[in-house]
Structures are given as structure tokens and as C-alpha cells.
Amino acid sequence: MKTDQKILLVGIGNNCRGDDGLGWKFVELVESMGLDFIDHACRYQLQVEDAALISEYDVVYFVDATYDKLSNGFDVCPCIASDEEQVSSHAQSPGAILKLANNLYKRFPEAWILAIAGESWELQTTLSATAEKNLVNAVSFFAELFFEVEEVTEKVFNG
């Protein structure tokens, strides 16, 4: 399935800090599925410059690890433009970046936050078993948005 919308996945985290790399790994897996109509970016943290990036898209998914325990191991919720003030220009929230895109570029992309539960945050480049399970659940859910249900298992597990 293809879409006429410009879609961006933004993986947030650090792939050298265990489960904090879930956002990047999510982007990597989706990219390997051949969804060539979805653009990808990975960030250690969001910065004000990312408002310019997201302003070029119709739909944006911010994907990040969370400490929260989530029923399916992941959660998707709308990203709401936020007036929150940040002390520095670094480490902005998805809501703050969306607000900047709205204010500076008069662009209002549909934005979502996809949080994936992790449990191990030490210096390492591998994910915990729990995080891997939650990642598969999140990728399967996301893939169902663009593939027929039968195709999802094949794409996620067989590349």
C-alpha cells in the first residue's frame, strides 16, 4: 500500500544506552520493510531545528523509549503542540517542536508520539528481551497501518 501523504519517522534516543535505542531500532526496522514512501530521521534529542524538518511533512511519528510500563509494551497518542518553555535550545519535547513548526512555518502536520517501553538503560548496544518484544509489537502495529494484516508478520519477522 502507498499513501499520497508525506510521512516522517523520527527515532529519538541513544543506541549505545540499551533500551534507549528503541526509537532508532524502530526506524531501522521500518526502513528495512521497504516502505519507501516514509522518510526517516534519528536524533539523540530533538532540537529547535527539527521544526523546519517536520514542517515539510503531512504526518510525523516521534518514536522514543519510555520507562513507563505499557499494556502492549507500546502506546501511540496524538502529539499536541505545546507552549512549554525550554531553558536551552536542546532537548525539546515533540510538542514544543510541533508548536515551533506551527508558529514559524505555518505548517500543521498530523503528529503522533509512539512510546515503546524499555527496562535497561546501561551502556550497551543491545536491547533487553522485554524491549525487543515490545519493539516487535510496536513495529507490527505500525506496519498494519500500511500493509494487509497477512503481510505484517512476513515483513517484521522475515525482512
C-alpha atoms as a PDB file:
ATOM      1  CA  MET A   1       0.000   0.000   0.000  1.00  0.00           C
ATOM      2  CA  LYS A   2       1.178   3.518  -0.727  1.00  0.00           C
ATOM      3  CA  THR A   3      -0.010   6.847   0.516  1.00  0.00           C
ATOM      4  CA  ASP A   4      -0.016  10.300  -1.004  1.00  0.00           C
ATOM      5  CA  GLN A   5       0.894  11.881   2.324  1.00  0.00           C
ATOM      6  CA  LYS A   6       4.477  12.821   3.167  1.00  0.00           C
ATOM      7  CA  ILE A   7       5.322  10.804   6.274  1.00  0.00           C
ATOM      8  CA  LEU A   8       8.321  11.141   8.584  1.00  0.00           C
ATOM      9  CA  LEU A   9       9.501   8.818  11.361  1.00  0.00           C
ATOM     10  CA  VAL A  10      11.746  10.443  13.950  1.00  0.00           C
ATOM     11  CA  GLY A  11      13.530   7.942  16.178  1.00  0.00           C
ATOM     12  CA  ILE A  12      14.723   9.554  19.398  1.00  0.00           C
ATOM     13  CA  GLY A  13      17.270   8.052  21.770  1.00  0.00           C
ATOM     14  CA  ASN A  14      20.764   6.659  22.067  1.00  0.00           C
ATOM     15  CA  ASN A  15      21.551   3.281  20.567  1.00  0.00           C
ATOM     16  CA  CYS A  16      24.551   2.916  22.914  1.00  0.00           C
ATOM     17  CA  ARG A  17      22.408   3.051  26.074  1.00  0.00           C
ATOM     18  CA  GLY A  18      20.494  -0.214  25.894  1.00  0.00           C
ATOM     19  CA  ASP A  19      16.749   0.241  25.588  1.00  0.00           C
ATOM     20  CA  ASP A  20      17.156   3.970  24.998  1.00  0.00           C
ATOM     21  CA  GLY A  21      17.926   2.893  21.415  1.00  0.00           C
ATOM     22  CA  LEU A  22      14.357   1.676  20.831  1.00  0.00           C
ATOM     23  CA  GLY A  23      13.427   4.730  18.741  1.00  0.00           C
ATOM     24  CA  TRP A  24      16.386   4.228  16.410  1.00  0.00           C
ATOM     25  CA  LYS A  25      15.820   0.462  16.163  1.00  0.00           C
ATOM     26  CA  PHE A  26      12.144   1.063  15.327  1.00  0.00           C
ATOM     27  CA  VAL A  27      13.154   3.368  12.471  1.00  0.00           C
ATOM     28  CA  GLU A  28      15.740   0.826  11.262  1.00  0.00           C
ATOM     29  CA  LEU A  29      13.172  -1.995  11.182  1.00  0.00           C
ATOM     30  CA  VAL A  30      10.525   0.069   9.408  1.00  0.00           C
ATOM     31  CA  GLU A  31      13.115   1.239   6.899  1.00  0.00           C
ATOM     32  CA  SER A  32      14.058  -2.396   6.173  1.00  0.00           C
ATOM     33  CA  MET A  33      10.430  -3.189   5.330  1.00  0.00           C
ATOM     34  CA  GLY A  34      10.632  -1.273   2.070  1.00  0.00           C
ATOM     35  CA  LEU A  35       8.184   1.479   2.958  1.00  0.00           C
ATOM     36  CA  ASP A  36       9.970   3.851   0.600  1.00  0.00           C
ATOM     37  CA  PHE A  37       7.235   6.465   0.913  1.00  0.00           C
ATOM     38  CA  ILE A  38       8.203   7.053   4.569  1.00  0.00           C
ATOM     39  CA  ASP A  39      11.231   9.215   5.363  1.00  0.00           C
ATOM     40  CA  HIS A  40      13.364   8.576   8.441  1.00  0.00           C
ATOM     41  CA  ALA A  41      15.492  10.542  10.869  1.00  0.00           C
ATOM     42  CA  CYS A  42      17.252   9.583  14.104  1.00  0.00           C
ATOM     43  CA  ARG A  43      18.053  12.073  16.841  1.00  0.00           C
ATOM     44  CA  TYR A  44      19.736  11.832  20.230  1.00  0.00           C
ATOM     45  CA  GLN A  45      17.372  14.618  21.267  1.00  0.00           C
ATOM     46  CA  LEU A  46      15.041  16.992  19.489  1.00  0.00           C
ATOM     47  CA  GLN A  47      16.335  20.483  18.787  1.00  0.00           C
ATOM     48  CA  VAL A  48      14.647  23.644  17.558  1.00  0.00           C
ATOM     49  CA  GLU A  49      15.995  22.989  14.050  1.00  0.00           C
ATOM     50  CA  ASP A  50      13.744  19.930  13.860  1.00  0.00           C
ATOM     51  CA  ALA A  51      10.746  22.257  13.481  1.00  0.00           C
ATOM     52  CA  ALA A  52      11.978  23.055   9.964  1.00  0.00           C
ATOM     53  CA  LEU A  53      12.294  19.348   9.211  1.00  0.00           C
ATOM     54  CA  ILE A  54       8.803  18.348  10.359  1.00  0.00           C
ATOM     55  CA  SER A  55       7.244  21.356   8.633  1.00  0.00           C
ATOM     56  CA  GLU A  56       7.902  19.581   5.312  1.00  0.00           C
ATOM     57  CA  TYR A  57       5.637  16.620   6.193  1.00  0.00           C
ATOM     58  CA  ASP A  58       1.929  15.852   6.457  1.00  0.00           C
ATOM     59  CA  VAL A  59       2.321  13.191   9.165  1.00  0.00           C
ATOM     60  CA  VAL A  60       5.104  12.821  11.746  1.00  0.00           C
ATOM     61  CA  TYR A  61       5.686   9.988  14.209  1.00  0.00           C
ATOM     62  CA  PHE A  62       8.052  10.691  17.102  1.00  0.00           C
ATOM     63  CA  VAL A  63       9.291   7.301  18.377  1.00  0.00           C
ATOM     64  CA  ASP A  64      11.030   7.065  21.748  1.00  0.00           C
ATOM     65  CA  ALA A  65      11.689   4.674  24.614  1.00  0.00           C
ATOM     66  CA  THR A  66       9.860   5.130  27.898  1.00  0.00           C
ATOM     67  CA  TYR A  67      10.342   3.949  31.471  1.00  0.00           C
ATOM     68  CA  ASP A  68       6.569   3.571  31.770  1.00  0.00           C
ATOM     69  CA  LYS A  69       5.020   0.113  31.874  1.00  0.00           C
ATOM     70  CA  LEU A  70       2.579  -0.040  28.961  1.00  0.00           C
ATOM     71  CA  SER A  71      -0.122  -2.683  28.471  1.00  0.00           C
ATOM     72  CA  ASN A  72       1.018  -3.795  24.998  1.00  0.00           C
ATOM     73  CA  GLY A  73       4.595  -2.678  25.535  1.00  0.00           C
ATOM     74  CA  PHE A  74       3.956   0.459  23.499  1.00  0.00           C
ATOM     75  CA  ASP A  75       1.488   3.312  23.218  1.00  0.00           C
ATOM     76  CA  VAL A  76       0.534   5.741  20.464  1.00  0.00           C
ATOM     77  CA  CYS A  77      -1.005   9.077  21.308  1.00  0.00           C
ATOM     78  CA  PRO A  78      -1.540  12.348  19.476  1.00  0.00           C
ATOM     79  CA  CYS A  79       1.241  14.881  19.824  1.00  0.00           C
ATOM     80  CA  ILE A  80      -0.198  18.193  20.982  1.00  0.00           C
ATOM     81  CA  ALA A  81       1.563  21.465  20.202  1.00  0.00           C
ATOM     82  CA  SER A  82       2.938  22.739  23.497  1.00  0.00           C
ATOM     83  CA  ASP A  83       3.817  26.185  24.813  1.00  0.00           C
ATOM     84  CA  GLU A  84       6.282  24.717  27.289  1.00  0.00           C
ATOM     85  CA  GLU A  85       9.385  26.811  27.772  1.00  0.00           C
ATOM     86  CA  GLN A  86      12.769  25.114  27.484  1.00  0.00           C
ATOM     87  CA  VAL A  87      15.837  26.521  29.218  1.00  0.00           C
ATOM     88  CA  SER A  88      18.115  25.700  26.278  1.00  0.00           C
ATOM     89  CA  SER A  89      17.695  25.164  22.575  1.00  0.00           C
ATOM     90  CA  HIS A  90      18.469  21.462  23.056  1.00  0.00           C
ATOM     91  CA  ALA A  91      16.320  18.615  24.367  1.00  0.00           C
ATOM     92  CA  GLN A  92      12.993  19.929  23.148  1.00  0.00           C
ATOM     93  CA  SER A  93       9.810  17.864  23.505  1.00  0.00           C
ATOM     94  CA  PRO A  94       7.861  16.700  20.452  1.00  0.00           C
ATOM     95  CA  GLY A  95       5.061  19.097  21.459  1.00  0.00           C
ATOM     96  CA  ALA A  96       7.464  22.049  21.552  1.00  0.00           C
ATOM     97  CA  ILE A  97       8.847  21.143  18.101  1.00  0.00           C
ATOM     98  CA  LEU A  98       5.316  20.870  16.728  1.00  0.00           C
ATOM     99  CA  LYS A  99       4.430  24.285  18.179  1.00  0.00           C
ATOM    100  CA  LEU A 100       7.507  25.817  16.539  1.00  0.00           C
ATOM    101  CA  ALA A 101       6.545  24.304  13.169  1.00  0.00           C
ATOM    102  CA  ASN A 102       3.060  25.782  13.602  1.00  0.00           C
ATOM    103  CA  ASN A 103       4.315  29.238  14.603  1.00  0.00           C
ATOM    104  CA  LEU A 104       7.388  29.634  12.394  1.00  0.00           C
ATOM    105  CA  TYR A 105       6.330  27.840   9.229  1.00  0.00           C
ATOM    106  CA  LYS A 106       2.521  27.918   9.475  1.00  0.00           C
ATOM    107  CA  ARG A 107       2.586  24.152   8.992  1.00  0.00           C
ATOM    108  CA  PHE A 108       0.359  21.843  10.998  1.00  0.00           C
ATOM    109  CA  PRO A 109       1.440  18.237  10.412  1.00  0.00           C
ATOM    110  CA  GLU A 110      -0.565  15.468  11.999  1.00  0.00           C
ATOM    111  CA  ALA A 111       1.810  14.338  14.740  1.00  0.00           C
ATOM    112  CA  TRP A 112       1.937  11.229  16.911  1.00  0.00           C
ATOM    113  CA  ILE A 113       4.105  10.005  19.753  1.00  0.00           C
ATOM    114  CA  LEU A 114       4.881   6.299  19.731  1.00  0.00           C
ATOM    115  CA  ALA A 115       6.370   5.292  23.085  1.00  0.00           C
ATOM    116  CA  ILE A 116       7.973   1.861  23.481  1.00  0.00           C
ATOM    117  CA  ALA A 117       8.589   0.505  26.982  1.00  0.00           C
ATOM    118  CA  GLY A 118      12.149  -0.370  27.941  1.00  0.00           C
ATOM    119  CA  GLU A 119      13.764  -1.517  31.165  1.00  0.00           C
ATOM    120  CA  SER A 120      17.551  -1.476  30.721  1.00  0.00           C
ATOM    121  CA  TRP A 121      19.437   1.799  30.256  1.00  0.00           C
ATOM    122  CA  GLU A 122      23.092   0.822  30.799  1.00  0.00           C
ATOM    123  CA  LEU A 123      25.930   1.424  28.341  1.00  0.00           C
ATOM    124  CA  GLN A 124      25.392  -1.348  25.800  1.00  0.00           C
ATOM    125  CA  THR A 125      24.313  -1.662  22.194  1.00  0.00           C
ATOM    126  CA  THR A 126      21.778  -4.448  22.683  1.00  0.00           C
ATOM    127  CA  LEU A 127      18.153  -4.273  23.751  1.00  0.00           C
ATOM    128  CA  SER A 128      16.699  -6.173  26.690  1.00  0.00           C
ATOM    129  CA  ALA A 129      14.455  -9.149  25.894  1.00  0.00           C
ATOM    130  CA  THR A 130      11.439  -7.174  27.111  1.00  0.00           C
ATOM    131  CA  ALA A 131      12.321  -4.204  24.900  1.00  0.00           C
ATOM    132  CA  GLU A 132      12.755  -6.485  21.866  1.00  0.00           C
ATOM    133  CA  LYS A 133       9.298  -7.980  22.452  1.00  0.00           C
ATOM    134  CA  ASN A 134       7.778  -4.516  22.844  1.00  0.00           C
ATOM    135  CA  LEU A 135       9.585  -3.340  19.711  1.00  0.00           C
ATOM    136  CA  VAL A 136       8.131  -6.195  17.645  1.00  0.00           C
ATOM    137  CA  ASN A 137       4.649  -5.350  18.931  1.00  0.00           C
ATOM    138  CA  ALA A 138       5.099  -1.667  18.027  1.00  0.00           C
ATOM    139  CA  VAL A 139       6.514  -2.392  14.556  1.00  0.00           C
ATOM    140  CA  SER A 140       3.713  -4.872  13.854  1.00  0.00           C
ATOM    141  CA  PHE A 141       1.116  -2.286  14.876  1.00  0.00           C
ATOM    142  CA  PHE A 142       2.756   0.384  12.714  1.00  0.00           C
ATOM    143  CA  ALA A 143       3.082  -1.945   9.721  1.00  0.00           C
ATOM    144  CA  GLU A 144      -0.630  -2.745   9.876  1.00  0.00           C
ATOM    145  CA  LEU A 145      -1.270   0.892   9.018  1.00  0.00           C
ATOM    146  CA  PHE A 146       0.349   0.346   5.612  1.00  0.00           C
ATOM    147  CA  PHE A 147       0.145  -3.395   4.840  1.00  0.00           C
ATOM    148  CA  GLU A 148      -2.578  -6.002   4.814  1.00  0.00           C
ATOM    149  CA  VAL A 149      -2.547  -7.898   8.132  1.00  0.00           C
ATOM    150  CA  GLU A 150      -1.201 -11.090   6.481  1.00  0.00           C
ATOM    151  CA  GLU A 151       1.818  -9.205   5.136  1.00  0.00           C
ATOM    152  CA  VAL A 152       2.828  -7.785   8.511  1.00  0.00           C
ATOM    153  CA  THR A 153       4.247 -10.934  10.089  1.00  0.00           C
ATOM    154  CA  GLU A 154       6.272 -11.685   6.988  1.00  0.00           C
ATOM    155  CA  LYS A 155       7.669  -8.128   6.799  1.00  0.00           C
ATOM    156  CA  VAL A 156       8.516  -7.872  10.519  1.00  0.00           C
ATOM    157  CA  PHE A 157       9.983 -11.302  11.038  1.00  0.00           C
ATOM    158  CA  ASN A 158      11.406 -12.191   7.626  1.00  0.00           C
ATOM    159  CA  GLY A 159      12.546  -8.760   6.481  1.00  0.00           C
END
